[in-house]
């Protein structure tokens, strides 16, 4: 954040691949080459944690805050390492290459993973695997057992399991580990392969001058290995049901607020432990990424707590969290906290004060700039500070073109035209947005790949109010052309971000 740079937001699932979903194979390495060719310094992705089809495959609702999404493993790289045969790679192409086919991808890859695991078991030298398991045992053992038990109980919530399992009686857990040994070992093996493939891709990226920005959701799912293994860290009742859940209060966008349903933290208990769980979580992510975007950063300062009996967020209340003590503790543990604070929405002075005190860059979204308060709007480029990360939009927004065609009012467009000094058409708007963000004083600027390509609403990654059909957009390899590379590189160079 000390120098001017730029980068692209594109999740791994959106990469080209013959397996129905993006992965760590050739498409990922070619994308890094594209970033390097266009002089980009950063690649931002979404959370790498496991996803659940029952929760819409959202990377922000995961059964683990520590484990990785093994569907992103590349079968081609498994073949190269001797874990699959050539004939295993023969797969029918998905009917729509521009969309993730989660069902087909998961079904097919699980079959390949079982074959790879059987081959792995026959290998004599497993030192690297054993080292990985030992170094990650603090989360890996619980997660692998959790996955095995979820399958055994056919997806039932963990707090509905028999009491001796729900309450994690040691003798019961030991018996279960023996009973489900093969499934547990398969999960550990896949986490190991993910780690190896991701590490290789990150090293390749770093060697080409591209740093990786990851994403950490502040909350975890109730039905997760984390809450099952550490119930004392969350506000649960005697039946281990959440007594309070997270969300945000009613605002201009929603009369009933947002009811997320994640259990909220027992911050006093976390403080008693020296924030050990959070320290382990940050340490884990520091090994995965060069920088981290902290989703809903304001929840470290104060969070909206809603009684779990409520159906909306209206009856919640603000509860203070020990932000200063927590972040100071992290600062003593880590020499550098490479955080980007997601500070969108209504941010109170106490949140701004914490962000400024610890020097974390916040976020600026150009799509939010063109309301009636444009001259003083903090999202307008003339109001950016250097220590911020500026975007045209994020994964939760429409694309720039989609916003212009579907969401911008006549008044929004008129203000945009005045800001640019001329009228523009829909095919021009993405280029103009990229240009004015590139020109800004923000040290780091990032663009969703959809905006680089000038795509419309059909390419939107996520619609927060809709639970189905999100997270499916994919990049086609044919969309990266020599003229696109030249144009984007020229803009990066002329505005001093190369």
Protein backbone atom coordinates (compact mmCIF):
# COMPACT_ATOMS: atom_id res chain seq x y z
CA UNK A 1 0.00 0.00 0.00
CA UNK A 2 3.02 2.34 -0.09
CA UNK A 3 3.10 2.55 -3.89
CA UNK A 4 0.57 3.00 -6.70
CA UNK A 5 -0.64 -0.30 -8.07
CA UNK A 6 -3.67 -1.98 -9.60
CA UNK A 7 -5.19 -5.42 -9.92
CA UNK A 8 -8.18 -7.56 -10.81
CA UNK A 9 -10.94 -9.20 -8.77
CA UNK A 10 -11.72 -12.67 -10.10
CA UNK A 11 -12.58 -15.75 -8.05
CA UNK A 12 -11.01 -19.14 -8.78
CA UNK A 13 -14.39 -20.65 -9.70
CA UNK A 14 -14.63 -18.13 -12.58
CA UNK A 15 -11.48 -19.33 -14.34
CA UNK A 16 -11.59 -21.35 -17.58
CA UNK A 17 -11.37 -25.12 -17.03
CA UNK A 18 -12.80 -28.25 -18.70
CA UNK A 19 -14.33 -29.51 -15.43
CA UNK A 20 -17.40 -27.30 -15.04
CA UNK A 21 -15.72 -24.97 -12.53
CA UNK A 22 -12.51 -22.96 -12.39
CA UNK A 23 -9.60 -24.62 -10.61
CA UNK A 24 -5.82 -24.44 -10.09
CA UNK A 25 -4.99 -25.88 -13.50
CA UNK A 26 -3.73 -24.28 -16.70
CA UNK A 27 -6.44 -21.60 -16.74
CA UNK A 28 -5.18 -20.20 -13.43
CA UNK A 29 -1.58 -19.97 -14.61
CA UNK A 30 -2.66 -18.31 -17.86
CA UNK A 31 -4.61 -15.75 -15.87
CA UNK A 32 -1.50 -14.94 -13.82
CA UNK A 33 0.35 -14.49 -17.11
CA UNK A 34 -2.37 -12.04 -18.20
CA UNK A 35 -1.98 -10.09 -14.95
CA UNK A 36 1.80 -9.94 -15.41
CA UNK A 37 1.51 -8.91 -19.08
CA UNK A 38 -0.79 -6.02 -18.15
CA UNK A 39 1.53 -4.92 -15.30
CA UNK A 40 -0.98 -5.70 -12.54
CA UNK A 41 0.38 -6.03 -9.01
CA UNK A 42 -2.58 -7.78 -7.36
CA UNK A 43 -5.10 -10.57 -7.87
CA UNK A 44 -8.05 -10.49 -5.46
CA UNK A 45 -10.15 -13.61 -4.93
CA UNK A 46 -13.13 -14.53 -2.74
CA UNK A 47 -12.88 -16.84 0.31
CA UNK A 48 -11.25 -20.22 -0.40
CA UNK A 49 -13.22 -22.06 2.29
CA UNK A 50 -15.50 -25.02 1.46
CA UNK A 51 -18.94 -24.19 0.09
CA UNK A 52 -22.29 -25.94 0.45
CA UNK A 53 -24.81 -26.37 -2.36
CA UNK A 54 -27.61 -26.20 0.23
CA UNK A 55 -26.43 -22.64 0.97
CA UNK A 56 -26.24 -21.57 -2.67
CA UNK A 57 -22.50 -22.35 -3.00
CA UNK A 58 -21.68 -19.02 -1.38
CA UNK A 59 -18.00 -18.74 -0.36
CA UNK A 60 -19.21 -16.61 2.58
CA UNK A 61 -21.17 -19.49 4.19
CA UNK A 62 -18.77 -22.30 4.93
CA UNK A 63 -18.60 -25.36 7.22
CA UNK A 64 -15.07 -24.30 8.19
CA UNK A 65 -13.12 -21.09 8.74
CA UNK A 66 -9.85 -22.99 8.28
CA UNK A 67 -10.40 -25.69 5.65
CA UNK A 68 -10.22 -25.13 1.90
CA UNK A 69 -12.63 -25.79 -0.96
CA UNK A 70 -11.25 -28.97 -2.51
CA UNK A 71 -13.52 -28.69 -5.58
CA UNK A 72 -10.91 -26.16 -6.76
CA UNK A 73 -8.29 -28.93 -7.02
CA UNK A 74 -7.12 -29.49 -10.60
CA UNK A 75 -7.40 -33.08 -11.92
CA UNK A 76 -4.79 -32.18 -14.56
CA UNK A 77 -2.26 -31.35 -11.85
CA UNK A 78 -3.20 -34.57 -10.04
CA UNK A 79 -2.34 -36.44 -13.24
CA UNK A 80 1.00 -34.62 -13.51
CA UNK A 81 1.87 -35.70 -9.96
CA UNK A 82 1.00 -39.33 -10.69
CA UNK A 83 -2.27 -39.50 -8.77
CA UNK A 84 -4.52 -39.99 -11.82
CA UNK A 85 -4.25 -41.85 -15.13
CA UNK A 86 -4.55 -40.14 -18.50
CA UNK A 87 -7.93 -41.73 -19.13
CA UNK A 88 -9.25 -40.21 -15.89
CA UNK A 89 -8.99 -36.76 -17.48
CA UNK A 90 -11.53 -37.53 -20.21
CA UNK A 91 -14.66 -35.62 -19.26
CA UNK A 92 -17.61 -34.25 -21.26
CA UNK A 93 -17.42 -30.48 -21.55
CA UNK A 94 -20.16 -28.63 -19.63
CA UNK A 95 -23.06 -27.43 -21.75
CA UNK A 96 -22.37 -23.81 -20.75
CA UNK A 97 -18.69 -22.92 -20.42
CA UNK A 98 -19.56 -19.41 -19.21
CA UNK A 99 -21.36 -20.74 -16.11
CA UNK A 100 -20.23 -22.92 -13.22
CA UNK A 101 -22.07 -26.24 -13.16
CA UNK A 102 -21.69 -27.04 -9.46
CA UNK A 103 -23.59 -30.32 -9.54
CA UNK A 104 -21.68 -31.76 -12.48
CA UNK A 105 -18.33 -30.50 -11.22
CA UNK A 106 -18.79 -31.84 -7.69
CA UNK A 107 -20.13 -35.22 -8.83
CA UNK A 108 -17.37 -35.80 -11.36
CA UNK A 109 -14.49 -34.53 -9.26
CA UNK A 110 -15.47 -36.59 -6.22
CA UNK A 111 -15.12 -39.73 -8.34
CA UNK A 112 -11.68 -38.61 -9.50
CA UNK A 113 -10.62 -37.73 -5.96
CA UNK A 114 -11.49 -41.21 -4.70
CA UNK A 115 -9.35 -42.76 -7.44
CA UNK A 116 -6.49 -40.40 -6.65
CA UNK A 117 -6.69 -41.23 -2.95
CA UNK A 118 -6.50 -44.96 -3.66
CA UNK A 119 -3.33 -44.38 -5.69
CA UNK A 120 -1.91 -42.14 -2.98
CA UNK A 121 -2.40 -44.82 -0.32
CA UNK A 122 -0.08 -47.08 -2.30
CA UNK A 123 2.79 -44.58 -2.26
CA UNK A 124 5.67 -45.31 0.09
CA UNK A 125 6.90 -41.76 0.73
CA UNK A 126 4.24 -39.72 2.51
CA UNK A 127 6.53 -37.47 4.59
CA UNK A 128 5.18 -34.26 3.05
CA UNK A 129 1.60 -35.35 3.75
CA UNK A 130 2.39 -36.32 7.35
CA UNK A 131 4.10 -32.97 7.92
CA UNK A 132 1.04 -31.12 6.57
CA UNK A 133 -1.30 -33.10 8.86
CA UNK A 134 0.87 -32.41 11.90
CA UNK A 135 1.22 -28.67 11.23
CA UNK A 136 -2.53 -28.29 10.64
CA UNK A 137 -3.83 -30.74 13.22
CA UNK A 138 -5.33 -27.91 15.32
CA UNK A 139 -8.15 -27.58 12.76
CA UNK A 140 -7.74 -30.50 10.36
CA UNK A 141 -8.68 -33.30 12.78
CA UNK A 142 -11.95 -31.66 13.83
CA UNK A 143 -12.87 -30.66 10.28
CA UNK A 144 -12.25 -34.11 8.76
CA UNK A 145 -14.31 -35.79 11.49
CA UNK A 146 -17.05 -33.16 11.10
CA UNK A 147 -17.31 -33.88 7.35
CA UNK A 148 -17.46 -37.63 7.99
CA UNK A 149 -20.20 -37.19 10.60
CA UNK A 150 -22.22 -34.82 8.41
CA UNK A 151 -22.23 -37.51 5.74
CA UNK A 152 -23.05 -40.23 8.28
CA UNK A 153 -26.00 -38.25 9.68
CA UNK A 154 -27.16 -37.26 6.17
CA UNK A 155 -26.62 -33.53 6.56
CA UNK A 156 -28.26 -33.17 9.97
CA UNK A 157 -27.23 -30.10 12.00
CA UNK A 158 -24.44 -30.97 14.46
CA UNK A 159 -26.47 -29.94 17.51
CA UNK A 160 -29.06 -32.58 16.54
CA UNK A 161 -26.53 -35.40 16.68
CA UNK A 162 -26.61 -37.77 19.68
CA UNK A 163 -25.63 -35.86 22.85
CA UNK A 164 -22.34 -37.66 23.33
CA UNK A 165 -21.27 -36.58 19.81
CA UNK A 166 -22.81 -33.11 20.01
CA UNK A 167 -20.98 -32.53 23.30
CA UNK A 168 -17.74 -34.10 22.02
CA UNK A 169 -17.14 -36.68 24.74
CA UNK A 170 -13.49 -37.75 24.28
CA UNK A 171 -14.09 -41.50 24.33
CA UNK A 172 -16.90 -41.13 21.79
CA UNK A 173 -14.73 -39.05 19.45
CA UNK A 174 -11.93 -41.64 19.61
CA UNK A 175 -14.38 -44.38 18.67
CA UNK A 176 -15.82 -42.31 15.81
CA UNK A 177 -12.34 -41.64 14.40
CA UNK A 178 -11.76 -45.38 14.12
CA UNK A 179 -15.23 -46.00 12.70
CA UNK A 180 -14.88 -43.34 9.98
CA UNK A 181 -11.15 -43.70 9.39
CA UNK A 182 -11.25 -43.94 5.58
CA UNK A 183 -13.52 -40.92 5.09
CA UNK A 184 -11.43 -38.86 7.52
CA UNK A 185 -8.20 -39.77 5.75
CA UNK A 186 -9.72 -38.92 2.36
CA UNK A 187 -10.65 -35.44 3.59
CA UNK A 188 -7.19 -34.87 5.05
CA UNK A 189 -5.61 -36.03 1.80
CA UNK A 190 -7.71 -33.58 -0.24
CA UNK A 191 -6.83 -30.70 2.06
CA UNK A 192 -3.17 -31.63 1.55
CA UNK A 193 -3.51 -31.69 -2.24
CA UNK A 194 -5.32 -28.34 -2.18
CA UNK A 195 -2.50 -26.86 -0.11
CA UNK A 196 0.16 -28.17 -2.47
CA UNK A 197 -1.58 -26.94 -5.64
CA UNK A 198 -2.46 -23.54 -4.15
CA UNK A 199 1.08 -23.01 -2.84
CA UNK A 200 2.49 -23.68 -6.32
CA UNK A 201 0.07 -21.24 -7.94
CA UNK A 202 0.76 -18.54 -5.32
CA UNK A 203 4.52 -18.98 -5.73
CA UNK A 204 4.16 -18.67 -9.52
CA UNK A 205 2.05 -15.55 -9.06
CA UNK A 206 4.47 -13.93 -6.61
CA UNK A 207 7.43 -14.73 -8.86
CA UNK A 208 5.66 -12.86 -11.67
CA UNK A 209 5.17 -9.81 -9.43
CA UNK A 210 1.53 -10.46 -8.56
CA UNK A 211 0.38 -10.56 -4.93
CA UNK A 212 -2.75 -12.43 -3.85
CA UNK A 213 -5.50 -10.72 -1.84
CA UNK A 214 -7.73 -13.16 0.04
CA UNK A 215 -11.03 -12.59 1.80
CA UNK A 216 -11.99 -13.43 5.41
CA UNK A 217 -15.69 -13.42 6.36
CA UNK A 218 -15.86 -12.09 9.92
CA UNK A 219 -18.52 -14.63 10.99
CA UNK A 220 -18.74 -18.40 10.65
CA UNK A 221 -21.75 -20.62 9.99
CA UNK A 222 -23.51 -22.22 12.93
CA UNK A 223 -23.40 -25.60 11.19
CA UNK A 224 -19.63 -25.65 11.03
CA UNK A 225 -16.70 -27.56 12.47
CA UNK A 226 -15.65 -24.35 14.25
CA UNK A 227 -18.83 -23.93 16.31
CA UNK A 228 -19.04 -27.68 17.02
CA UNK A 229 -15.42 -27.78 18.21
CA UNK A 230 -15.47 -24.43 20.09
CA UNK A 231 -19.05 -23.79 21.33
CA UNK A 232 -17.76 -21.69 24.22
CA UNK A 233 -16.59 -19.01 21.78
CA UNK A 234 -20.12 -18.32 20.54
CA UNK A 235 -23.37 -17.21 22.16
CA UNK A 236 -25.25 -20.51 22.35
CA UNK A 237 -27.95 -21.68 24.76
CA UNK A 238 -28.04 -24.88 26.84
CA UNK A 239 -29.16 -26.88 23.77
CA UNK A 240 -26.25 -25.41 21.80
CA UNK A 241 -28.59 -23.39 19.62
CA UNK A 242 -27.58 -19.78 18.86
CA UNK A 243 -29.16 -17.42 21.37
CA UNK A 244 -28.21 -14.44 19.24
CA UNK A 245 -27.32 -14.12 15.58
CA UNK A 246 -25.62 -11.55 13.37
CA UNK A 247 -26.98 -9.09 10.85
CA UNK A 248 -27.27 -5.36 10.21
CA UNK A 249 -30.03 -2.96 11.28
CA UNK A 250 -32.74 -1.43 9.09
CA UNK A 251 -31.41 1.25 6.76
CA UNK A 252 -32.14 3.09 3.52
CA UNK A 253 -31.82 -0.16 1.56
CA UNK A 254 -33.96 -2.43 3.76
CA UNK A 255 -36.76 -1.55 6.18
CA UNK A 256 -36.20 -4.78 8.10
CA UNK A 257 -32.38 -4.82 7.97
CA UNK A 258 -30.40 -7.94 7.10
CA UNK A 259 -30.79 -11.15 9.14
CA UNK A 260 -27.68 -13.22 8.44
CA UNK A 261 -28.22 -15.96 11.02
CA UNK A 262 -24.54 -16.54 11.90
CA UNK A 263 -23.87 -17.03 15.63
CA UNK A 264 -22.17 -14.03 17.25
CA UNK A 265 -18.95 -14.31 19.22
CA UNK A 266 -18.50 -14.49 22.98
CA UNK A 267 -15.88 -11.76 22.91
CA UNK A 268 -15.23 -11.93 26.65
CA UNK A 269 -14.42 -15.62 26.34
CA UNK A 270 -12.22 -14.97 23.30
CA UNK A 271 -10.38 -12.32 25.30
CA UNK A 272 -9.82 -14.78 28.17
CA UNK A 273 -8.10 -17.18 25.75
CA UNK A 274 -5.86 -14.44 24.38
CA UNK A 275 -7.91 -14.59 21.16
CA UNK A 276 -6.21 -17.91 20.36
CA UNK A 277 -8.85 -19.03 17.82
CA UNK A 278 -8.61 -15.74 15.91
CA UNK A 279 -4.81 -15.76 16.05
CA UNK A 280 -4.80 -19.25 14.56
CA UNK A 281 -7.26 -18.11 11.89
CA UNK A 282 -5.14 -15.10 10.94
CA UNK A 283 -1.98 -17.23 10.92
CA UNK A 284 -3.67 -19.73 8.62
CA UNK A 285 -4.67 -16.98 6.19
CA UNK A 286 -1.27 -15.32 6.26
CA UNK A 287 0.17 -18.58 4.91
CA UNK A 288 -2.40 -18.52 2.09
CA UNK A 289 -2.42 -14.85 1.03
CA UNK A 290 -0.26 -11.74 0.77
CA UNK A 291 -3.10 -9.45 1.90
CA UNK A 292 -6.56 -10.06 3.35
CA UNK A 293 -9.85 -8.22 2.99
CA UNK A 294 -11.76 -8.45 6.29
CA UNK A 295 -15.44 -8.67 5.43
CA UNK A 296 -17.72 -6.59 7.72
CA UNK A 297 -14.77 -5.11 9.62
CA UNK A 298 -17.09 -2.94 11.70
CA UNK A 299 -18.14 -6.11 13.60
CA UNK A 300 -14.81 -5.94 15.45
CA UNK A 301 -15.85 -2.57 16.92
CA UNK A 302 -19.58 -3.12 17.46
CA UNK A 303 -21.97 -5.69 16.01
CA UNK A 304 -25.72 -5.92 15.50
CA UNK A 305 -26.99 -8.71 17.78
CA UNK A 306 -30.43 -10.17 17.01
CA UNK A 307 -32.32 -12.61 19.29
CA UNK A 308 -32.42 -15.89 17.37
CA UNK A 309 -36.19 -16.10 17.96
CA UNK A 310 -36.73 -13.08 15.72
CA UNK A 311 -37.46 -13.38 12.00
CA UNK A 312 -35.98 -10.05 10.94
CA UNK A 313 -33.13 -7.78 12.08
CA UNK A 314 -35.47 -5.05 13.38
CA UNK A 315 -35.30 -6.03 17.07
CA UNK A 316 -31.52 -6.25 17.29
CA UNK A 317 -29.15 -4.04 19.26
CA UNK A 318 -25.59 -2.74 18.97
CA UNK A 319 -23.08 -4.52 21.22
CA UNK A 320 -19.53 -3.30 21.64
CA UNK A 321 -16.62 -5.59 20.82
CA UNK A 322 -13.06 -5.12 22.19
CA UNK A 323 -11.58 -3.91 18.91
CA UNK A 324 -8.63 -1.99 20.34
CA UNK A 325 -7.55 -4.80 22.67
CA UNK A 326 -8.11 -7.45 20.00
CA UNK A 327 -6.16 -5.70 17.23
CA UNK A 328 -3.39 -4.68 19.64
CA UNK A 329 -3.05 -8.35 20.61
CA UNK A 330 -2.83 -9.33 16.94
CA UNK A 331 -0.23 -6.60 16.35
CA UNK A 332 1.96 -8.05 19.09
CA UNK A 333 1.65 -11.54 17.61
CA UNK A 334 2.24 -10.59 13.96
CA UNK A 335 4.89 -8.19 12.70
CA UNK A 336 2.52 -7.01 9.98
CA UNK A 337 -1.28 -7.12 9.65
CA UNK A 338 -1.92 -6.99 5.88
CA UNK A 339 -5.62 -6.13 6.25
CA UNK A 340 -8.03 -4.28 3.98
CA UNK A 341 -10.99 -3.17 6.10
CA UNK A 342 -14.32 -3.65 4.35
CA UNK A 343 -15.97 -0.45 5.62
CA UNK A 344 -18.93 -0.11 3.29
CA UNK A 345 -22.39 0.95 4.42
CA UNK A 346 -23.13 3.10 7.46
CA UNK A 347 -19.83 3.40 9.33
CA UNK A 348 -19.84 5.21 12.69
CA UNK A 349 -17.00 7.43 14.00
CA UNK A 350 -15.72 4.74 16.40
CA UNK A 351 -15.16 2.36 13.46
CA UNK A 352 -13.37 5.05 11.45
CA UNK A 353 -11.19 5.85 14.46
CA UNK A 354 -10.04 2.20 14.82
CA UNK A 355 -9.33 1.89 11.09
CA UNK A 356 -7.28 5.10 11.09
CA UNK A 357 -5.44 4.30 14.34
CA UNK A 358 -4.13 1.01 13.02
CA UNK A 359 -3.58 2.31 9.51
CA UNK A 360 -5.77 -0.18 7.67
CA UNK A 361 -6.87 0.87 4.17
CA UNK A 362 -10.62 1.05 3.72
CA UNK A 363 -12.65 0.59 0.52
CA UNK A 364 -14.08 3.09 -1.98
CA UNK A 365 -16.68 1.98 -4.56
CA UNK A 366 -17.15 4.23 -7.59
CA UNK A 367 -20.65 2.87 -8.27
CA UNK A 368 -21.75 4.57 -5.02
CA UNK A 369 -20.47 8.02 -6.01
CA UNK A 370 -23.16 9.51 -8.22
CA UNK A 371 -25.95 10.37 -5.79
CA UNK A 372 -27.11 13.87 -4.99
CA UNK A 373 -24.15 14.44 -2.64
CA UNK A 374 -21.52 13.89 -5.36
CA UNK A 375 -19.23 16.84 -4.44
CA UNK A 376 -18.75 15.55 -0.87
CA UNK A 377 -19.39 11.85 -1.46
CA UNK A 378 -16.45 9.79 -0.06
CA UNK A 379 -16.79 7.34 -2.97
CA UNK A 380 -16.13 10.08 -5.56
CA UNK A 381 -12.50 9.90 -6.77
CA UNK A 382 -11.66 13.53 -5.92
CA UNK A 383 -12.29 12.63 -2.26
CA UNK A 384 -10.12 9.51 -2.12
CA UNK A 385 -7.21 9.36 0.30
CA UNK A 386 -4.00 7.56 -0.63
CA UNK A 387 -4.38 4.80 1.95
CA UNK A 388 -7.48 3.19 0.47
CA UNK A 389 -8.45 0.50 -2.03
CA UNK A 390 -10.70 1.85 -4.78
CA UNK A 391 -12.97 -0.33 -6.92
CA UNK A 392 -15.34 0.25 -9.79
CA UNK A 393 -17.57 -2.28 -8.00
CA UNK A 394 -17.31 -5.53 -6.04
CA UNK A 395 -18.71 -9.05 -6.33
CA UNK A 396 -21.89 -7.86 -4.56
CA UNK A 397 -22.58 -5.04 -7.04
CA UNK A 398 -23.91 -5.04 -10.54
CA UNK A 399 -21.30 -4.65 -13.25
CA UNK A 400 -20.62 -1.04 -14.28
CA UNK A 401 -22.45 -1.57 -17.56
CA UNK A 402 -25.29 -3.38 -15.77
CA UNK A 403 -25.61 -0.49 -13.31
CA UNK A 404 -25.69 2.05 -16.15
CA UNK A 405 -28.32 0.11 -18.11
CA UNK A 406 -30.54 -1.15 -15.28
CA UNK A 407 -30.01 0.75 -12.04
CA UNK A 408 -28.73 4.30 -12.63
CA UNK A 409 -31.45 6.94 -12.58
CA UNK A 410 -31.66 9.75 -15.10
CA UNK A 411 -30.23 12.07 -12.41
CA UNK A 412 -27.35 9.64 -11.67
CA UNK A 413 -26.43 9.63 -15.35
CA UNK A 414 -26.60 13.41 -15.62
CA UNK A 415 -24.26 13.75 -12.64
CA UNK A 416 -21.92 11.18 -14.23
CA UNK A 417 -21.89 13.14 -17.51
CA UNK A 418 -21.08 16.36 -15.64
CA UNK A 419 -18.28 14.58 -13.77
CA UNK A 420 -16.76 13.29 -17.02
CA UNK A 421 -17.43 16.48 -18.97
CA UNK A 422 -19.36 14.68 -21.70
CA UNK A 423 -22.18 12.23 -22.32
CA UNK A 424 -21.28 8.57 -22.82
CA UNK A 425 -23.08 5.41 -23.99
CA UNK A 426 -23.41 2.01 -22.30
CA UNK A 427 -20.47 0.41 -24.23
CA UNK A 428 -18.19 3.23 -23.03
CA UNK A 429 -19.09 3.37 -19.36
CA UNK A 430 -16.83 0.58 -18.07
CA UNK A 431 -13.76 2.12 -19.72
CA UNK A 432 -14.52 5.54 -18.29
CA UNK A 433 -15.05 4.12 -14.80
CA UNK A 434 -11.74 2.25 -14.98
CA UNK A 435 -9.96 5.35 -16.22
CA UNK A 436 -11.15 7.69 -13.45
CA UNK A 437 -10.36 5.12 -10.74
CA UNK A 438 -6.92 4.57 -12.28
CA UNK A 439 -6.35 8.35 -12.26
CA UNK A 440 -7.33 8.70 -8.59
CA UNK A 441 -4.96 9.20 -5.66
CA UNK A 442 -5.83 5.77 -4.18
CA UNK A 443 -2.65 3.74 -3.85
CA UNK A 444 -4.41 0.50 -4.84
CA UNK A 445 -7.24 0.16 -7.36
CA UNK A 446 -9.03 -3.08 -8.24
CA UNK A 447 -11.47 -4.00 -10.99
CA UNK A 448 -13.81 -6.99 -11.33
CA UNK A 449 -12.86 -8.87 -14.49
CA UNK A 450 -16.41 -8.33 -15.75
CA UNK A 451 -15.77 -4.58 -15.81
CA UNK A 452 -12.47 -5.02 -17.67
CA UNK A 453 -14.46 -6.92 -20.31
CA UNK A 454 -17.35 -4.43 -20.35
CA UNK A 455 -19.99 -7.06 -19.58
CA UNK A 456 -23.56 -6.33 -18.52
CA UNK A 457 -25.85 -7.49 -15.74
CA UNK A 458 -25.81 -11.08 -17.04
CA UNK A 459 -22.22 -11.35 -15.77
CA UNK A 460 -22.98 -10.23 -12.21
CA UNK A 461 -21.36 -12.50 -9.61
CA UNK A 462 -23.76 -12.13 -6.69
CA UNK A 463 -27.16 -10.64 -5.90
CA UNK A 464 -27.19 -10.42 -2.08
CA UNK A 465 -30.99 -10.52 -1.80
CA UNK A 466 -31.29 -13.68 -3.93
CA UNK A 467 -30.15 -17.10 -2.70
CA UNK A 468 -30.15 -19.05 -5.98
CA UNK A 469 -28.11 -18.65 -9.15
CA UNK A 470 -25.18 -16.71 -7.71
CA UNK A 471 -21.43 -17.39 -7.93
CA UNK A 472 -21.70 -18.97 -11.40
CA UNK A 473 -20.17 -16.46 -13.84
CA UNK A 474 -17.06 -17.69 -15.66
CA UNK A 475 -14.40 -16.13 -17.84
CA UNK A 476 -13.93 -17.58 -21.33
CA UNK A 477 -10.33 -17.94 -22.49
CA UNK A 478 -11.29 -16.29 -25.79
CA UNK A 479 -12.29 -13.09 -23.97
CA UNK A 480 -8.66 -12.20 -23.20
CA UNK A 481 -7.44 -10.77 -26.50
CA UNK A 482 -4.19 -9.04 -27.54
CA UNK A 483 -6.05 -5.74 -27.94
CA UNK A 484 -7.49 -6.04 -24.39
CA UNK A 485 -4.01 -6.74 -23.00
CA UNK A 486 -2.52 -3.77 -24.82
CA UNK A 487 -5.29 -1.36 -23.80
CA UNK A 488 -5.25 -2.34 -20.13
CA UNK A 489 -1.45 -2.31 -19.92
CA UNK A 490 -1.29 1.14 -21.51
CA UNK A 491 -3.78 2.52 -18.99
CA UNK A 492 -1.88 0.93 -16.09
CA UNK A 493 1.38 2.49 -17.28
CA UNK A 494 0.10 5.98 -18.10
CA UNK A 495 -1.41 6.43 -14.63
CA UNK A 496 1.75 5.30 -12.84
CA UNK A 497 0.52 1.93 -11.58
CA UNK A 498 2.92 -0.38 -13.44
